[in-house]
Amino acid sequence: MKVINHIKEIRMKRGITQVKMAEDLQITRQTINAIEKNKYNPSLELALKLIAYFDVPIEEMFYLEEEFKPKGE
C-alpha cells in the first residue's frame, strides 16, 4: 500500500508557495517538493504539522492507495 497525499492541491488552492510553506514549517522546499510528488512520506510529526497548518482532517490530506482488506475476505 502506498500513502498518497493532496498537499499540493490544498497548498495551491490556498495560494501558498512551496517557499512560504517551507519557511512557515521550518523545513526545506525540497522536502515539500518530494512529499508532494509522493517520493517521500513525512514523519508522523511533520504530517501532524501539515494537518494543523492547513486545518484539514487527516482524511482530506492523506489516504492509502489500496484499501485495507481484513484477513479472510
Protein backbone atom coordinates (compact mmCIF):
# COMPACT_ATOMS: atom_id res chain seq x y z
CA MET A 1 0.00 0.00 0.00
CA LYS A 2 1.20 3.47 -0.81
CA VAL A 3 0.37 6.67 1.06
CA ILE A 4 -0.97 9.34 -1.29
CA ASN A 5 -1.42 12.97 -0.31
CA HIS A 6 -3.26 16.04 -1.55
CA ILE A 7 -0.82 18.57 -0.10
CA LYS A 8 -0.01 20.22 -3.44
CA GLU A 9 -3.69 20.64 -4.33
CA ILE A 10 -4.53 22.09 -0.92
CA ARG A 11 -1.48 24.39 -0.95
CA MET A 12 -2.17 25.71 -4.44
CA LYS A 13 -5.88 26.20 -3.74
CA ARG A 14 -4.86 28.49 -0.87
CA GLY A 15 -2.26 30.35 -2.92
CA ILE A 16 0.69 29.30 -0.77
CA THR A 17 4.09 28.79 -2.42
CA GLN A 18 6.44 25.96 -1.52
CA VAL A 19 8.94 28.56 -0.29
CA LYS A 20 6.39 30.20 2.05
CA MET A 21 5.21 26.84 3.35
CA ALA A 22 8.80 25.71 3.93
CA GLU A 23 9.55 28.89 5.90
CA ASP A 24 6.36 28.54 7.96
CA LEU A 25 7.04 24.88 8.80
CA GLN A 26 10.83 25.31 9.14
CA ILE A 27 11.64 22.62 6.58
CA THR A 28 13.23 22.80 3.15
CA ARG A 29 11.38 23.47 -0.08
CA GLN A 30 12.98 20.30 -1.43
CA THR A 31 11.29 18.29 1.34
CA ILE A 32 7.91 19.75 0.40
CA ASN A 33 8.56 19.01 -3.27
CA ALA A 34 9.45 15.37 -2.51
CA ILE A 35 6.36 14.92 -0.31
CA GLU A 36 4.07 16.47 -2.92
CA LYS A 37 5.46 14.13 -5.59
CA ASN A 38 4.91 11.13 -3.27
CA LYS A 39 8.64 10.37 -3.30
CA TYR A 40 8.87 10.80 0.46
CA ASN A 41 6.38 10.23 3.27
CA PRO A 42 6.55 12.81 6.03
CA SER A 43 7.27 11.72 9.57
CA LEU A 44 4.28 11.50 11.86
CA GLU A 45 5.36 14.77 13.48
CA LEU A 46 5.54 16.56 10.14
CA ALA A 47 2.25 15.01 8.96
CA LEU A 48 0.54 16.39 12.09
CA LYS A 49 2.14 19.80 11.50
CA LEU A 50 0.83 19.78 7.91
CA ILE A 51 -2.68 18.91 9.08
CA ALA A 52 -2.58 21.73 11.66
CA TYR A 53 -1.03 24.16 9.12
CA PHE A 54 -3.85 23.66 6.64
CA ASP A 55 -6.50 22.95 9.31
CA VAL A 56 -7.96 19.98 7.43
CA PRO A 57 -8.97 16.48 8.53
CA ILE A 58 -6.31 13.82 8.02
CA GLU A 59 -8.56 12.02 5.50
CA GLU A 60 -8.57 15.10 3.29
CA MET A 61 -4.78 15.22 3.17
CA PHE A 62 -3.63 11.58 3.25
CA TYR A 63 -5.05 8.24 2.14
CA LEU A 64 -3.86 4.75 1.25
CA GLU A 65 -3.74 3.95 -2.44
CA GLU A 66 -5.19 0.48 -1.83
CA GLU A 67 -7.85 -0.02 0.78
CA PHE A 68 -7.11 -2.35 3.66
CA LYS A 69 -8.89 -5.71 3.43
CA PRO A 70 -9.23 -7.74 6.64
CA LYS A 71 -7.96 -11.32 6.60
CA GLY A 72 -10.47 -13.82 5.30
CA GLU A 73 -12.07 -11.53 2.72
